[in-house]
Amino acid sequence: MALYGLEPTLESQEFHLGNGVVFPLRNEVGQIVDTSPTYMALAVHFGDFAQVYTLIKRIGRPGDTRRSEVKFKRWVQGGMAKIQKDRFVVRVVDPVRALLKYEEVAQYYPFFFYCLPYETYTVGDKGQVTYSVGSSKNMVLSAVPITPVIATERYGVDVAVGLNSLAPQAGLIVLNMCRWQKIKTADDANEVLGDWRDYLPNDHRDAFDATRDFELGRYTATKLFLPSSPEIVPAISA
């Protein structure tokens, strides 16, 4: 939370909200570079990322100190990197999200903490808004206040510009909750979105409602066609 400036005990605070944040993070070779906080980038920065591009392998008989570098194919490197990223999520991110569900914790950390794509939505040739529901390769671990009032009064977000920027991000988080069956009714989705809806333009509200109903309907259809299948609730982001 200190990285995002959201730790209440910090004397001077600069809050980093939404999917546009960048932090000075340590990369694979130890250099500090301004980087978007994806799961992978954070895992590397905090030392959870094992060296997956080169493996030092002992050769020869037991006790032999000779070593040679073994280069792995790209798909092997990618698989090993994903393992380290997933370990970081389980070890660090998931416990934080679990704590944020408790009211006594949420009063000090009143925000959503999920991954968002760089583009929350796209606008088609005819002006139609499409929310980027689901997961993409590079998702930014983002903190979004749970209400506009908290955003302005607690985190100093500008009413004219900041709220209009954060509202679609809050909307996408709610839509993803519908997609991953964390929210199962339209009323619950609207309640979680709350007053953020007031800062969505009309076309965004229509897109939110249509996408919400589609995702909730997709869940219902799955249950109808596969009534005996076990429920699998994946994480909100990759």
Foldseek 3Di string as FASTA:
>chain_A
DVQQQLQVVDPDGDGHFDQPAWGQAQDQVGHTDTGFAFLLRVLNRVVLFDPLQWDWDDDDDPPDPDTDIDGDDPVSSVVSSVVSSVVSCVVPVVVVQVQCVDPVSCVSQQWDWAWADPDQWDADPVRAIAGPAAEDDTTGGGTAGQDVVCCCPVNNADPPPRLLVRLSVQLNVLLLCLLLVVDQDPVVSCVSSDPSLVSYPPSSNVNSVVSSVVSNVVVVVCCVVCVPDDRDRDGSYD
